[in-house]
Amino acid sequence: MTKKKDAIPSGISDNISCECDVGSAYKMEALLSVDERGQMVLPKDLREKVGIRPGDKLALFTLEKEGGFCCMALVKAENLSTLVTTILKPLGENVTEK
């Protein structure tokens, strides 16, 4: 199942410079269940594919649409500084000193 990445605001998606192709399509990798404690398990083959190991930290991002949440994304914490810098740097270039 694929979904075009139109949920990312154009001002952000135009400036992301990582190995991911923001213009490509999303791919459903797994269907997860939530247990009674609210925990989810990422399947072993997916963890191996994306390089998630025990003890790794993941940041959860959500996208809001029309007052509700439409999407969630997980990013390895070790990649956060690059992601934040990539998104915020263009914003700083538009700031003028008074």
PDB file of N, CA and C in Angstrom:
ATOM      1  N   MET A   1       0.845  -1.165   0.000  1.00  0.00           N
ATOM      2  CA  MET A   1       0.000   0.000   0.000  1.00  0.00           C
ATOM      3  C   MET A   1       0.892   1.229   0.000  1.00  0.00           C
ATOM      4  N   THR A   2       0.655   2.160  -0.889  1.00  0.00           N
ATOM      5  CA  THR A   2       1.464   3.365  -0.940  1.00  0.00           C
ATOM      6  C   THR A   2       0.586   4.592  -0.820  1.00  0.00           C
ATOM      7  N   LYS A   3       1.205   5.659  -0.335  1.00  0.00           N
ATOM      8  CA  LYS A   3       0.503   6.928  -0.211  1.00  0.00           C
ATOM      9  C   LYS A   3       1.482   8.024  -0.579  1.00  0.00           C
ATOM     10  N   LYS A   4       1.098   8.919  -1.461  1.00  0.00           N
ATOM     11  CA  LYS A   4       1.974  10.008  -1.843  1.00  0.00           C
ATOM     12  C   LYS A   4       2.245  10.899  -0.636  1.00  0.00           C
ATOM     13  N   LYS A   5       3.461  11.370  -0.507  1.00  0.00           N
ATOM     14  CA  LYS A   5       3.865  12.183   0.645  1.00  0.00           C
ATOM     15  C   LYS A   5       3.381  13.610   0.491  1.00  0.00           C
ATOM     16  N   ASP A   6       2.070  13.814   0.453  1.00  0.00           N
ATOM     17  CA  ASP A   6       1.532  15.158   0.338  1.00  0.00           C
ATOM     18  C   ASP A   6       1.182  15.741   1.695  1.00  0.00           C
ATOM     19  N   ALA A   7       1.374  14.984   2.769  1.00  0.00           N
ATOM     20  CA  ALA A   7       1.039  15.457   4.107  1.00  0.00           C
ATOM     21  C   ALA A   7       2.122  16.360   4.683  1.00  0.00           C
ATOM     22  N   ILE A   8       3.331  16.349   4.107  1.00  0.00           N
ATOM     23  CA  ILE A   8       4.418  17.184   4.592  1.00  0.00           C
ATOM     24  C   ILE A   8       4.278  18.560   3.958  1.00  0.00           C
ATOM     25  N   PRO A   9       4.230  19.623   4.764  1.00  0.00           N
ATOM     26  CA  PRO A   9       4.118  20.968   4.198  1.00  0.00           C
ATOM     27  C   PRO A   9       5.237  21.242   3.213  1.00  0.00           C
ATOM     28  N   SER A  10       4.922  21.913   2.094  1.00  0.00           N
ATOM     29  CA  SER A  10       5.907  22.125   1.042  1.00  0.00           C
ATOM     30  C   SER A  10       7.127  22.883   1.522  1.00  0.00           C
ATOM     31  N   GLY A  11       6.982  23.818   2.443  1.00  0.00           N
ATOM     32  CA  GLY A  11       8.124  24.558   2.953  1.00  0.00           C
ATOM     33  C   GLY A  11       9.125  23.676   3.653  1.00  0.00           C
ATOM     34  N   ILE A  12       8.659  22.563   4.217  1.00  0.00           N
ATOM     35  CA  ILE A  12       9.550  21.629   4.894  1.00  0.00           C
ATOM     36  C   ILE A  12      10.078  20.607   3.897  1.00  0.00           C
ATOM     37  N   SER A  13       9.184  20.000   3.124  1.00  0.00           N
ATOM     38  CA  SER A  13       9.602  18.912   2.241  1.00  0.00           C
ATOM     39  C   SER A  13      10.595  19.375   1.189  1.00  0.00           C
ATOM     40  N   ASP A  14      10.519  20.637   0.782  1.00  0.00           N
ATOM     41  CA  ASP A  14      11.450  21.148  -0.223  1.00  0.00           C
ATOM     42  C   ASP A  14      12.862  21.275   0.317  1.00  0.00           C
ATOM     43  N   ASN A  15      13.001  21.329   1.654  1.00  0.00           N
ATOM     44  CA  ASN A  15      14.302  21.591   2.249  1.00  0.00           C
ATOM     45  C   ASN A  15      14.913  20.403   2.966  1.00  0.00           C
ATOM     46  N   ILE A  16      14.258  19.268   3.007  1.00  0.00           N
ATOM     47  CA  ILE A  16      14.825  18.105   3.687  1.00  0.00           C
ATOM     48  C   ILE A  16      15.912  17.518   2.801  1.00  0.00           C
ATOM     49  N   SER A  17      17.117  17.400   3.366  1.00  0.00           N
ATOM     50  CA  SER A  17      18.217  16.857   2.574  1.00  0.00           C
ATOM     51  C   SER A  17      18.815  15.661   3.296  1.00  0.00           C
ATOM     52  N   CYS A  18      18.150  14.540   3.187  1.00  0.00           N
ATOM     53  CA  CYS A  18      18.686  13.300   3.730  1.00  0.00           C
ATOM     54  C   CYS A  18      18.669  12.290   2.590  1.00  0.00           C
ATOM     55  N   GLU A  19      18.935  11.059   2.904  1.00  0.00           N
ATOM     56  CA  GLU A  19      18.945  10.037   1.860  1.00  0.00           C
ATOM     57  C   GLU A  19      17.547   9.637   1.429  1.00  0.00           C
ATOM     58  N   CYS A  20      16.526  10.089   2.149  1.00  0.00           N
ATOM     59  CA  CYS A  20      15.149   9.768   1.795  1.00  0.00           C
ATOM     60  C   CYS A  20      14.692  10.659   0.652  1.00  0.00           C
ATOM     61  N   ASP A  21      13.935  10.111  -0.249  1.00  0.00           N
ATOM     62  CA  ASP A  21      13.362  10.880  -1.343  1.00  0.00           C
ATOM     63  C   ASP A  21      11.972  11.320  -0.919  1.00  0.00           C
ATOM     64  N   VAL A  22      11.843  12.585  -0.504  1.00  0.00           N
ATOM     65  CA  VAL A  22      10.581  13.087   0.009  1.00  0.00           C
ATOM     66  C   VAL A  22       9.485  13.007  -1.048  1.00  0.00           C
ATOM     67  N   GLY A  23       9.845  13.052  -2.314  1.00  0.00           N
ATOM     68  CA  GLY A  23       8.850  12.983  -3.378  1.00  0.00           C
ATOM     69  C   GLY A  23       8.390  11.574  -3.680  1.00  0.00           C
ATOM     70  N   SER A  24       8.992  10.575  -3.041  1.00  0.00           N
ATOM     71  CA  SER A  24       8.593   9.192  -3.306  1.00  0.00           C
ATOM     72  C   SER A  24       7.327   8.849  -2.533  1.00  0.00           C
ATOM     73  N   ALA A  25       6.870   7.640  -2.680  1.00  0.00           N
ATOM     74  CA  ALA A  25       5.623   7.215  -2.034  1.00  0.00           C
ATOM     75  C   ALA A  25       5.917   6.503  -0.717  1.00  0.00           C
ATOM     76  N   TYR A  26       4.993   6.638   0.224  1.00  0.00           N
ATOM     77  CA  TYR A  26       5.078   5.877   1.467  1.00  0.00           C
ATOM     78  C   TYR A  26       4.797   4.417   1.158  1.00  0.00           C
ATOM     79  N   LYS A  27       5.328   3.551   1.969  1.00  0.00           N
ATOM     80  CA  LYS A  27       5.083   2.123   1.817  1.00  0.00           C
ATOM     81  C   LYS A  27       4.673   1.566   3.169  1.00  0.00           C
ATOM     82  N   MET A  28       3.583   0.822   3.209  1.00  0.00           N
ATOM     83  CA  MET A  28       3.193   0.187   4.457  1.00  0.00           C
ATOM     84  C   MET A  28       4.107  -1.004   4.678  1.00  0.00           C
ATOM     85  N   GLU A  29       4.862  -0.969   5.756  1.00  0.00           N
ATOM     86  CA  GLU A  29       5.838  -2.014   6.047  1.00  0.00           C
ATOM     87  C   GLU A  29       5.285  -3.096   6.952  1.00  0.00           C
ATOM     88  N   ALA A  30       4.377  -2.737   7.856  1.00  0.00           N
ATOM     89  CA  ALA A  30       3.868  -3.717   8.809  1.00  0.00           C
ATOM     90  C   ALA A  30       2.549  -3.223   9.388  1.00  0.00           C
ATOM     91  N   LEU A  31       1.767  -4.147   9.858  1.00  0.00           N
ATOM     92  CA  LEU A  31       0.540  -3.846  10.571  1.00  0.00           C
ATOM     93  C   LEU A  31       0.795  -4.200  12.029  1.00  0.00           C
ATOM     94  N   LEU A  32       0.703  -3.203  12.921  1.00  0.00           N
ATOM     95  CA  LEU A  32       1.033  -3.398  14.326  1.00  0.00           C
ATOM     96  C   LEU A  32      -0.225  -3.488  15.168  1.00  0.00           C
ATOM     97  N   SER A  33      -0.146  -4.260  16.229  1.00  0.00           N
ATOM     98  CA  SER A  33      -1.228  -4.337  17.206  1.00  0.00           C
ATOM     99  C   SER A  33      -0.775  -3.650  18.481  1.00  0.00           C
ATOM    100  N   VAL A  34      -1.720  -3.041  19.180  1.00  0.00           N
ATOM    101  CA  VAL A  34      -1.436  -2.413  20.464  1.00  0.00           C
ATOM    102  C   VAL A  34      -2.011  -3.321  21.538  1.00  0.00           C
ATOM    103  N   ASP A  35      -1.162  -3.698  22.530  1.00  0.00           N
ATOM    104  CA  ASP A  35      -1.659  -4.580  23.582  1.00  0.00           C
ATOM    105  C   ASP A  35      -2.358  -3.775  24.680  1.00  0.00           C
ATOM    106  N   GLU A  36      -2.840  -4.464  25.698  1.00  0.00           N
ATOM    107  CA  GLU A  36      -3.605  -3.811  26.765  1.00  0.00           C
ATOM    108  C   GLU A  36      -2.787  -2.796  27.553  1.00  0.00           C
ATOM    109  N   ARG A  37      -1.454  -2.876  27.490  1.00  0.00           N
ATOM    110  CA  ARG A  37      -0.595  -1.893  28.167  1.00  0.00           C
ATOM    111  C   ARG A  37      -0.211  -0.743  27.241  1.00  0.00           C
ATOM    112  N   GLY A  38      -0.725  -0.755  26.009  1.00  0.00           N
ATOM    113  CA  GLY A  38      -0.423   0.305  25.052  1.00  0.00           C
ATOM    114  C   GLY A  38       0.886   0.115  24.314  1.00  0.00           C
ATOM    115  N   GLN A  39       1.450  -1.078  24.394  1.00  0.00           N
ATOM    116  CA  GLN A  39       2.732  -1.348  23.751  1.00  0.00           C
ATOM    117  C   GLN A  39       2.529  -1.950  22.366  1.00  0.00           C
ATOM    118  N   MET A  40       3.469  -1.615  21.478  1.00  0.00           N
ATOM    119  CA  MET A  40       3.467  -2.164  20.123  1.00  0.00           C
ATOM    120  C   MET A  40       4.796  -2.871  19.887  1.00  0.00           C
ATOM    121  N   VAL A  41       4.782  -3.854  19.028  1.00  0.00           N
ATOM    122  CA  VAL A  41       6.008  -4.563  18.672  1.00  0.00           C
ATOM    123  C   VAL A  41       6.268  -4.352  17.191  1.00  0.00           C
ATOM    124  N   LEU A  42       7.494  -3.881  16.884  1.00  0.00           N
ATOM    125  CA  LEU A  42       7.908  -3.797  15.489  1.00  0.00           C
ATOM    126  C   LEU A  42       8.441  -5.171  15.093  1.00  0.00           C
ATOM    127  N   PRO A  43       7.946  -5.744  14.009  1.00  0.00           N
ATOM    128  CA  PRO A  43       8.405  -7.073  13.603  1.00  0.00           C
ATOM    129  C   PRO A  43       9.923  -7.120  13.408  1.00  0.00           C
ATOM    130  N   LYS A  44      10.501  -8.267  13.726  1.00  0.00           N
ATOM    131  CA  LYS A  44      11.950  -8.440  13.668  1.00  0.00           C
ATOM    132  C   LYS A  44      12.515  -8.104  12.294  1.00  0.00           C
ATOM    133  N   ASP A  45      11.871  -8.558  11.223  1.00  0.00           N
ATOM    134  CA  ASP A  45      12.404  -8.299   9.880  1.00  0.00           C
ATOM    135  C   ASP A  45      12.434  -6.797   9.572  1.00  0.00           C
ATOM    136  N   LEU A  46      11.453  -6.050  10.074  1.00  0.00           N
ATOM    137  CA  LEU A  46      11.435  -4.599   9.872  1.00  0.00           C
ATOM    138  C   LEU A  46      12.531  -3.928  10.698  1.00  0.00           C
ATOM    139  N   ARG A  47      12.686  -4.358  11.965  1.00  0.00           N
ATOM    140  CA  ARG A  47      13.752  -3.796  12.808  1.00  0.00           C
ATOM    141  C   ARG A  47      15.111  -4.016  12.166  1.00  0.00           C
ATOM    142  N   GLU A  48      15.339  -5.200  11.632  1.00  0.00           N
ATOM    143  CA  GLU A  48      16.612  -5.501  10.979  1.00  0.00           C
ATOM    144  C   GLU A  48      16.783  -4.661   9.715  1.00  0.00           C
ATOM    145  N   LYS A  49      15.724  -4.515   8.950  1.00  0.00           N
ATOM    146  CA  LYS A  49      15.769  -3.763   7.692  1.00  0.00           C
ATOM    147  C   LYS A  49      16.160  -2.309   7.918  1.00  0.00           C
ATOM    148  N   VAL A  50      15.618  -1.686   8.984  1.00  0.00           N
ATOM    149  CA  VAL A  50      15.890  -0.267   9.232  1.00  0.00           C
ATOM    150  C   VAL A  50      16.974  -0.032  10.279  1.00  0.00           C
ATOM    151  N   GLY A  51      17.553  -1.100  10.789  1.00  0.00           N
ATOM    152  CA  GLY A  51      18.685  -0.984  11.710  1.00  0.00           C
ATOM    153  C   GLY A  51      18.324  -0.573  13.119  1.00  0.00           C
ATOM    154  N   ILE A  52      17.162  -0.979  13.605  1.00  0.00           N
ATOM    155  CA  ILE A  52      16.765  -0.692  14.983  1.00  0.00           C
ATOM    156  C   ILE A  52      17.200  -1.854  15.863  1.00  0.00           C
ATOM    157  N   ARG A  53      17.980  -1.514  16.912  1.00  0.00           N
ATOM    158  CA  ARG A  53      18.492  -2.530  17.825  1.00  0.00           C
ATOM    159  C   ARG A  53      17.970  -2.266  19.237  1.00  0.00           C
ATOM    160  N   PRO A  54      18.002  -3.283  20.104  1.00  0.00           N
ATOM    161  CA  PRO A  54      17.574  -3.074  21.490  1.00  0.00           C
ATOM    162  C   PRO A  54      18.316  -1.895  22.114  1.00  0.00           C
ATOM    163  N   GLY A  55      17.576  -1.045  22.804  1.00  0.00           N
ATOM    164  CA  GLY A  55      18.171   0.125  23.447  1.00  0.00           C
ATOM    165  C   GLY A  55      18.131   1.384  22.599  1.00  0.00           C
ATOM    166  N   ASP A  56      17.867   1.261  21.293  1.00  0.00           N
ATOM    167  CA  ASP A  56      17.770   2.447  20.443  1.00  0.00           C
ATOM    168  C   ASP A  56      16.594   3.306  20.892  1.00  0.00           C
ATOM    169  N   LYS A  57      16.740   4.599  20.744  1.00  0.00           N
ATOM    170  CA  LYS A  57      15.667   5.550  21.049  1.00  0.00           C
ATOM    171  C   LYS A  57      15.042   5.999  19.736  1.00  0.00           C
ATOM    172  N   LEU A  58      13.710   6.108  19.740  1.00  0.00           N
ATOM    173  CA  LEU A  58      12.978   6.560  18.557  1.00  0.00           C
ATOM    174  C   LEU A  58      12.148   7.775  18.935  1.00  0.00           C
ATOM    175  N   ALA A  59      12.111   8.763  18.057  1.00  0.00           N
ATOM    176  CA  ALA A  59      11.253   9.937  18.244  1.00  0.00           C
ATOM    177  C   ALA A  59       9.999   9.718  17.409  1.00  0.00           C
ATOM    178  N   LEU A  60       8.857  10.032  18.004  1.00  0.00           N
ATOM    179  CA  LEU A  60       7.575   9.878  17.319  1.00  0.00           C
ATOM    180  C   LEU A  60       7.067  11.254  16.923  1.00  0.00           C
ATOM    181  N   PHE A  61       6.804  11.432  15.632  1.00  0.00           N
ATOM    182  CA  PHE A  61       6.250  12.669  15.108  1.00  0.00           C
ATOM    183  C   PHE A  61       4.839  12.393  14.626  1.00  0.00           C
ATOM    184  N   THR A  62       3.966  13.375  14.803  1.00  0.00           N
ATOM    185  CA  THR A  62       2.602  13.249  14.301  1.00  0.00           C
ATOM    186  C   THR A  62       2.294  14.418  13.375  1.00  0.00           C
ATOM    187  N   LEU A  63       1.423  14.186  12.437  1.00  0.00           N
ATOM    188  CA  LEU A  63       0.927  15.237  11.558  1.00  0.00           C
ATOM    189  C   LEU A  63      -0.550  15.427  11.857  1.00  0.00           C
ATOM    190  N   GLU A  64      -0.931  16.677  12.033  1.00  0.00           N
ATOM    191  CA  GLU A  64      -2.309  16.992  12.370  1.00  0.00           C
ATOM    192  C   GLU A  64      -3.029  17.484  11.123  1.00  0.00           C
ATOM    193  N   LYS A  65      -4.261  17.053  10.980  1.00  0.00           N
ATOM    194  CA  LYS A  65      -5.062  17.462   9.826  1.00  0.00           C
ATOM    195  C   LYS A  65      -6.499  17.644  10.287  1.00  0.00           C
ATOM    196  N   GLU A  66      -7.033  18.822  10.043  1.00  0.00           N
ATOM    197  CA  GLU A  66      -8.423  19.127  10.372  1.00  0.00           C
ATOM    198  C   GLU A  66      -8.756  18.812  11.833  1.00  0.00           C
ATOM    199  N   GLY A  67      -7.859  19.187  12.737  1.00  0.00           N
ATOM    200  CA  GLY A  67      -8.100  19.011  14.163  1.00  0.00           C
ATOM    201  C   GLY A  67      -7.845  17.616  14.699  1.00  0.00           C
ATOM    202  N   GLY A  68      -7.445  16.681  13.864  1.00  0.00           N
ATOM    203  CA  GLY A  68      -7.141  15.320  14.305  1.00  0.00           C
ATOM    204  C   GLY A  68      -5.781  14.898  13.790  1.00  0.00           C
ATOM    205  N   PHE A  69      -5.331  13.767  14.234  1.00  0.00           N
ATOM    206  CA  PHE A  69      -4.037  13.266  13.789  1.00  0.00           C
ATOM    207  C   PHE A  69      -4.229  12.313  12.627  1.00  0.00           C
ATOM    208  N   CYS A  70      -3.460  12.519  11.570  1.00  0.00           N
ATOM    209  CA  CYS A  70      -3.631  11.669  10.394  1.00  0.00           C
ATOM    210  C   CYS A  70      -2.457  10.707  10.208  1.00  0.00           C
ATOM    211  N   CYS A  71      -1.266  11.084  10.660  1.00  0.00           N
ATOM    212  CA  CYS A  71      -0.084  10.256  10.409  1.00  0.00           C
ATOM    213  C   CYS A  71       0.872  10.292  11.589  1.00  0.00           C
ATOM    214  N   MET A  72       1.677   9.245  11.699  1.00  0.00           N
ATOM    215  CA  MET A  72       2.758   9.184  12.674  1.00  0.00           C
ATOM    216  C   MET A  72       4.005   8.701  11.943  1.00  0.00           C
ATOM    217  N   ALA A  73       5.147   9.164  12.407  1.00  0.00           N
ATOM    218  CA  ALA A  73       6.414   8.723  11.834  1.00  0.00           C
ATOM    219  C   ALA A  73       7.413   8.505  12.959  1.00  0.00           C
ATOM    220  N   LEU A  74       8.225   7.480  12.848  1.00  0.00           N
ATOM    221  CA  LEU A  74       9.290   7.201  13.802  1.00  0.00           C
ATOM    222  C   LEU A  74      10.624   7.567  13.173  1.00  0.00           C
ATOM    223  N   VAL A  75      11.468   8.246  13.949  1.00  0.00           N
ATOM    224  CA  VAL A  75      12.802   8.619  13.486  1.00  0.00           C
ATOM    225  C   VAL A  75      13.780   8.189  14.563  1.00  0.00           C
ATOM    226  N   LYS A  76      14.870   7.539  14.158  1.00  0.00           N
ATOM    227  CA  LYS A  76      15.890   7.166  15.139  1.00  0.00           C
ATOM    228  C   LYS A  76      16.444   8.437  15.774  1.00  0.00           C
ATOM    229  N   ALA A  77      16.557   8.441  17.089  1.00  0.00           N
ATOM    230  CA  ALA A  77      17.012   9.625  17.821  1.00  0.00           C
ATOM    231  C   ALA A  77      18.375  10.102  17.328  1.00  0.00           C
ATOM    232  N   GLU A  78      19.222   9.194  16.913  1.00  0.00           N
ATOM    233  CA  GLU A  78      20.559   9.584  16.431  1.00  0.00           C
ATOM    234  C   GLU A  78      20.485  10.433  15.160  1.00  0.00           C
ATOM    235  N   ASN A  79      19.346  10.404  14.466  1.00  0.00           N
ATOM    236  CA  ASN A  79      19.180  11.195  13.250  1.00  0.00           C
ATOM    237  C   ASN A  79      18.443  12.513  13.496  1.00  0.00           C
ATOM    238  N   LEU A  80      18.031  12.760  14.731  1.00  0.00           N
ATOM    239  CA  LEU A  80      17.239  13.958  15.031  1.00  0.00           C
ATOM    240  C   LEU A  80      17.987  15.258  14.786  1.00  0.00           C
ATOM    241  N   SER A  81      19.238  15.340  15.190  1.00  0.00           N
ATOM    242  CA  SER A  81      19.951  16.616  15.038  1.00  0.00           C
ATOM    243  C   SER A  81      20.068  16.998  13.573  1.00  0.00           C
ATOM    244  N   THR A  82      20.341  16.039  12.716  1.00  0.00           N
ATOM    245  CA  THR A  82      20.419  16.318  11.281  1.00  0.00           C
ATOM    246  C   THR A  82      19.064  16.750  10.747  1.00  0.00           C
ATOM    247  N   LEU A  83      18.013  16.067  11.157  1.00  0.00           N
ATOM    248  CA  LEU A  83      16.668  16.396  10.698  1.00  0.00           C
ATOM    249  C   LEU A  83      16.257  17.794  11.151  1.00  0.00           C
ATOM    250  N   VAL A  84      16.481  18.106  12.426  1.00  0.00           N
ATOM    251  CA  VAL A  84      16.105  19.413  12.964  1.00  0.00           C
ATOM    252  C   VAL A  84      16.913  20.516  12.282  1.00  0.00           C
ATOM    253  N   THR A  85      18.210  20.320  12.133  1.00  0.00           N
ATOM    254  CA  THR A  85      19.051  21.308  11.466  1.00  0.00           C
ATOM    255  C   THR A  85      18.590  21.540  10.043  1.00  0.00           C
ATOM    256  N   THR A  86      18.263  20.487   9.338  1.00  0.00           N
ATOM    257  CA  THR A  86      17.819  20.592   7.953  1.00  0.00           C
ATOM    258  C   THR A  86      16.519  21.381   7.838  1.00  0.00           C
ATOM    259  N   ILE A  87      15.617  21.178   8.789  1.00  0.00           N
ATOM    260  CA  ILE A  87      14.329  21.871   8.750  1.00  0.00           C
ATOM    261  C   ILE A  87      14.462  23.315   9.216  1.00  0.00           C
ATOM    262  N   LEU A  88      15.236  23.564  10.281  1.00  0.00           N
ATOM    263  CA  LEU A  88      15.310  24.895  10.866  1.00  0.00           C
ATOM    264  C   LEU A  88      16.271  25.840  10.152  1.00  0.00           C
ATOM    265  N   LYS A  89      17.305  25.326   9.512  1.00  0.00           N
ATOM    266  CA  LYS A  89      18.290  26.188   8.856  1.00  0.00           C
ATOM    267  C   LYS A  89      17.642  27.145   7.859  1.00  0.00           C
ATOM    268  N   PRO A  90      16.779  26.679   6.961  1.00  0.00           N
ATOM    269  CA  PRO A  90      16.143  27.618   6.021  1.00  0.00           C
ATOM    270  C   PRO A  90      15.301  28.684   6.723  1.00  0.00           C
ATOM    271  N   LEU A  91      14.715  28.361   7.865  1.00  0.00           N
ATOM    272  CA  LEU A  91      13.933  29.338   8.607  1.00  0.00           C
ATOM    273  C   LEU A  91      14.816  30.462   9.118  1.00  0.00           C
ATOM    274  N   GLY A  92      16.010  30.128   9.589  1.00  0.00           N
ATOM    275  CA  GLY A  92      16.956  31.125  10.080  1.00  0.00           C
ATOM    276  C   GLY A  92      17.481  32.030   8.979  1.00  0.00           C
ATOM    277  N   GLU A  93      17.564  31.518   7.768  1.00  0.00           N
ATOM    278  CA  GLU A  93      18.045  32.322   6.641  1.00  0.00           C
ATOM    279  C   GLU A  93      17.043  33.406   6.266  1.00  0.00           C
ATOM    280  N   ASN A  94      15.781  33.216   6.631  1.00  0.00           N
ATOM    281  CA  ASN A  94      14.739  34.179   6.308  1.00  0.00           C
ATOM    282  C   ASN A  94      14.573  35.241   7.384  1.00  0.00           C
ATOM    283  N   VAL A  95      15.326  35.133   8.472  1.00  0.00           N
ATOM    284  CA  VAL A  95      15.220  36.085   9.578  1.00  0.00           C
ATOM    285  C   VAL A  95      16.110  37.285   9.281  1.00  0.00           C
ATOM    286  N   THR A  96      15.558  38.468   9.402  1.00  0.00           N
ATOM    287  CA  THR A  96      16.358  39.681   9.180  1.00  0.00           C
ATOM    288  C   THR A  96      16.588  40.366  10.524  1.00  0.00           C
ATOM    289  N   GLU A  97      17.770  40.920  10.697  1.00  0.00           N
ATOM    290  CA  GLU A  97      18.086  41.622  11.936  1.00  0.00           C
ATOM    291  C   GLU A  97      17.458  42.997  11.915  1.00  0.00           C
ATOM    292  N   LYS A  98      17.024  43.469  13.096  1.00  0.00           N
ATOM    293  CA  LYS A  98      16.430  44.798  13.198  1.00  0.00           C
ATOM    294  C   LYS A  98      17.419  45.777  13.754  1.00  0.00           C
TER     295      LYS A  98
END
